[in-house]
Amino acid sequence: MQKITRDSILDYVTYEGRRKELRERILAEKARQRVHVGDVLAFLFENTETVRFQLQETLRTERIVEESAVRRELERHNELLGAPGELGCTLLIEIEDPRERAEKLARW
C-alpha cells in the first residue's frame, strides 16, 4: 500500500477549512471497510486515505506544527499501512458505557 508522503499532509489550519468535506468522505469509506466481530469488536481495514485522515486529525487536535514532530507522527501512522503485500487493520472496541468498557477491558 502506498505510504503517506510529507507533501500530501496539510497544515492544520488548511485542513480545518477542508475538514467537513474530507470527514464525510472518509467516514463513508471507513464504514465500507469495517468488519464487525461479535457485539463490541470491529476490524477497520486501513488504506492510505483513512490513515492520512487519522494523521491530519492528530496534527489538528494536538496542534502539531514543529517539523520533527510532524515527521514523527507521519512515521507512526505509516506503520499502520504495513509493508507491500500486507493489510493494515485497526481493532476497535466499541463499548460506549465507560464502566462496562473498563470492566470488560480489565477482564480481557
C-alpha atoms as a PDB file:
ATOM      1  CA  MET A   1       0.000   0.000   0.000  1.00  0.00           C
ATOM      2  CA  GLN A   2       1.242   3.485  -0.820  1.00  0.00           C
ATOM      3  CA  LYS A   3       2.725   5.306   2.165  1.00  0.00           C
ATOM      4  CA  ILE A   4       1.723   8.833   3.109  1.00  0.00           C
ATOM      5  CA  THR A   5       4.249  11.413   1.967  1.00  0.00           C
ATOM      6  CA  ARG A   6       5.127  14.619   3.765  1.00  0.00           C
ATOM      7  CA  ASP A   7       3.981  16.753   0.837  1.00  0.00           C
ATOM      8  CA  SER A   8       0.487  15.206   0.973  1.00  0.00           C
ATOM      9  CA  ILE A   9      -0.125  16.460   4.524  1.00  0.00           C
ATOM     10  CA  LEU A  10      -1.949  19.745   5.001  1.00  0.00           C
ATOM     11  CA  ASP A  11      -1.083  22.167   7.768  1.00  0.00           C
ATOM     12  CA  TYR A  12      -3.786  22.073  10.440  1.00  0.00           C
ATOM     13  CA  VAL A  13      -5.218  25.489   9.517  1.00  0.00           C
ATOM     14  CA  THR A  14      -5.737  24.498   5.860  1.00  0.00           C
ATOM     15  CA  TYR A  15      -7.005  21.095   6.955  1.00  0.00           C
ATOM     16  CA  GLU A  16      -9.528  22.735   9.293  1.00  0.00           C
ATOM     17  CA  GLY A  17     -11.040  24.540   6.313  1.00  0.00           C
ATOM     18  CA  ARG A  18     -11.473  21.278   4.364  1.00  0.00           C
ATOM     19  CA  ARG A  19     -12.229  19.016   7.326  1.00  0.00           C
ATOM     20  CA  LYS A  20     -16.008  18.738   6.930  1.00  0.00           C
ATOM     21  CA  GLU A  21     -15.771  17.636   3.292  1.00  0.00           C
ATOM     22  CA  LEU A  22     -12.905  15.211   3.972  1.00  0.00           C
ATOM     23  CA  ARG A  23     -14.523  13.799   7.116  1.00  0.00           C
ATOM     24  CA  GLU A  24     -17.784  12.907   5.343  1.00  0.00           C
ATOM     25  CA  ARG A  25     -15.940  11.125   2.543  1.00  0.00           C
ATOM     26  CA  ILE A  26     -13.557   9.232   4.834  1.00  0.00           C
ATOM     27  CA  LEU A  27     -16.262   8.159   7.308  1.00  0.00           C
ATOM     28  CA  ALA A  28     -18.273   6.705   4.408  1.00  0.00           C
ATOM     29  CA  GLU A  29     -15.168   4.860   3.232  1.00  0.00           C
ATOM     30  CA  LYS A  30     -14.430   3.565   6.738  1.00  0.00           C
ATOM     31  CA  ALA A  31     -17.976   2.217   7.038  1.00  0.00           C
ATOM     32  CA  ARG A  32     -17.386   0.038   3.969  1.00  0.00           C
ATOM     33  CA  GLN A  33     -14.062  -1.224   5.357  1.00  0.00           C
ATOM     34  CA  ARG A  34     -15.299  -2.126   8.856  1.00  0.00           C
ATOM     35  CA  VAL A  35     -15.950  -5.770   9.757  1.00  0.00           C
ATOM     36  CA  HIS A  36     -17.852  -6.403  12.998  1.00  0.00           C
ATOM     37  CA  VAL A  37     -16.918  -9.420  15.101  1.00  0.00           C
ATOM     38  CA  GLY A  38     -19.476 -10.082  17.815  1.00  0.00           C
ATOM     39  CA  ASP A  39     -21.216  -7.258  19.634  1.00  0.00           C
ATOM     40  CA  VAL A  40     -18.349  -4.979  20.563  1.00  0.00           C
ATOM     41  CA  LEU A  41     -15.351  -5.672  18.323  1.00  0.00           C
ATOM     42  CA  ALA A  42     -14.704  -4.437  14.806  1.00  0.00           C
ATOM     43  CA  PHE A  43     -11.754  -4.517  12.460  1.00  0.00           C
ATOM     44  CA  LEU A  44     -11.171  -1.470  10.304  1.00  0.00           C
ATOM     45  CA  PHE A  45      -9.077  -2.263   7.243  1.00  0.00           C
ATOM     46  CA  GLU A  46      -6.974   0.817   6.629  1.00  0.00           C
ATOM     47  CA  ASN A  47      -5.746   2.401   3.434  1.00  0.00           C
ATOM     48  CA  THR A  48      -3.669   5.449   2.630  1.00  0.00           C
ATOM     49  CA  GLU A  49      -6.652   7.808   2.720  1.00  0.00           C
ATOM     50  CA  THR A  50      -8.045   6.591   6.056  1.00  0.00           C
ATOM     51  CA  VAL A  51      -4.639   6.732   7.721  1.00  0.00           C
ATOM     52  CA  ARG A  52      -3.913  10.180   6.253  1.00  0.00           C
ATOM     53  CA  PHE A  53      -7.221  11.359   7.742  1.00  0.00           C
ATOM     54  CA  GLN A  54      -6.216   9.996  11.168  1.00  0.00           C
ATOM     55  CA  LEU A  55      -2.838  11.696  10.853  1.00  0.00           C
ATOM     56  CA  GLN A  56      -4.469  15.013   9.914  1.00  0.00           C
ATOM     57  CA  GLU A  57      -6.827  14.678  12.892  1.00  0.00           C
ATOM     58  CA  THR A  58      -3.876  14.059  15.217  1.00  0.00           C
ATOM     59  CA  LEU A  59      -1.977  17.089  13.890  1.00  0.00           C
ATOM     60  CA  ARG A  60      -5.118  19.249  14.175  1.00  0.00           C
ATOM     61  CA  THR A  61      -6.154  18.121  17.647  1.00  0.00           C
ATOM     62  CA  GLU A  62      -2.676  18.339  19.126  1.00  0.00           C
ATOM     63  CA  ARG A  63      -1.751  21.476  17.118  1.00  0.00           C
ATOM     64  CA  ILE A  64       1.466  19.872  15.917  1.00  0.00           C
ATOM     65  CA  VAL A  65       3.469  22.239  13.715  1.00  0.00           C
ATOM     66  CA  GLU A  66       7.120  21.523  14.507  1.00  0.00           C
ATOM     67  CA  GLU A  67       8.569  19.695  11.508  1.00  0.00           C
ATOM     68  CA  SER A  68      10.296  16.961  13.520  1.00  0.00           C
ATOM     69  CA  ALA A  69       7.032  16.211  15.375  1.00  0.00           C
ATOM     70  CA  VAL A  70       5.070  16.119  12.093  1.00  0.00           C
ATOM     71  CA  ARG A  71       7.576  13.653  10.632  1.00  0.00           C
ATOM     72  CA  ARG A  72       7.448  11.516  13.780  1.00  0.00           C
ATOM     73  CA  GLU A  73       3.636  11.286  13.513  1.00  0.00           C
ATOM     74  CA  LEU A  74       3.956  10.550   9.793  1.00  0.00           C
ATOM     75  CA  GLU A  75       6.254   7.593  10.526  1.00  0.00           C
ATOM     76  CA  ARG A  76       3.933   6.247  13.234  1.00  0.00           C
ATOM     77  CA  HIS A  77       0.854   6.478  11.056  1.00  0.00           C
ATOM     78  CA  ASN A  78       2.603   4.913   8.042  1.00  0.00           C
ATOM     79  CA  GLU A  79       3.293   1.834  10.182  1.00  0.00           C
ATOM     80  CA  LEU A  80      -0.471   1.145  10.139  1.00  0.00           C
ATOM     81  CA  LEU A  81      -0.295   0.585   6.389  1.00  0.00           C
ATOM     82  CA  GLY A  82       2.086  -2.360   6.617  1.00  0.00           C
ATOM     83  CA  ALA A  83       4.628  -3.499   4.085  1.00  0.00           C
ATOM     84  CA  PRO A  84       3.890  -4.398   0.460  1.00  0.00           C
ATOM     85  CA  GLY A  85       1.501  -7.353   0.344  1.00  0.00           C
ATOM     86  CA  GLU A  86       0.267  -6.780   3.921  1.00  0.00           C
ATOM     87  CA  LEU A  87      -3.069  -5.462   5.142  1.00  0.00           C
ATOM     88  CA  GLY A  88      -3.268  -2.694   7.702  1.00  0.00           C
ATOM     89  CA  CYS A  89      -6.001  -3.162  10.260  1.00  0.00           C
ATOM     90  CA  THR A  90      -7.151  -1.382  13.410  1.00  0.00           C
ATOM     91  CA  LEU A  91      -9.048  -3.240  16.139  1.00  0.00           C
ATOM     92  CA  LEU A  92     -11.905  -1.139  17.502  1.00  0.00           C
ATOM     93  CA  ILE A  93     -13.536  -1.899  20.838  1.00  0.00           C
ATOM     94  CA  GLU A  94     -16.982  -0.337  20.655  1.00  0.00           C
ATOM     95  CA  ILE A  95     -18.312  -0.104  24.208  1.00  0.00           C
ATOM     96  CA  GLU A  96     -19.894   3.269  24.925  1.00  0.00           C
ATOM     97  CA  ASP A  97     -20.571   2.874  28.652  1.00  0.00           C
ATOM     98  CA  PRO A  98     -17.319   3.767  30.489  1.00  0.00           C
ATOM     99  CA  ARG A  99     -18.000   1.395  33.390  1.00  0.00           C
ATOM    100  CA  GLU A 100     -18.815  -1.544  31.155  1.00  0.00           C
ATOM    101  CA  ARG A 101     -15.779  -0.766  28.996  1.00  0.00           C
ATOM    102  CA  ALA A 102     -13.434  -0.609  32.000  1.00  0.00           C
ATOM    103  CA  GLU A 103     -14.824  -3.848  33.379  1.00  0.00           C
ATOM    104  CA  LYS A 104     -14.514  -5.753  30.119  1.00  0.00           C
ATOM    105  CA  LEU A 105     -11.049  -4.422  29.341  1.00  0.00           C
ATOM    106  CA  ALA A 106      -9.821  -5.392  32.802  1.00  0.00           C
ATOM    107  CA  ARG A 107     -11.272  -8.881  32.361  1.00  0.00           C
ATOM    108  CA  TRP A 108      -9.796  -9.329  28.888  1.00  0.00           C
END
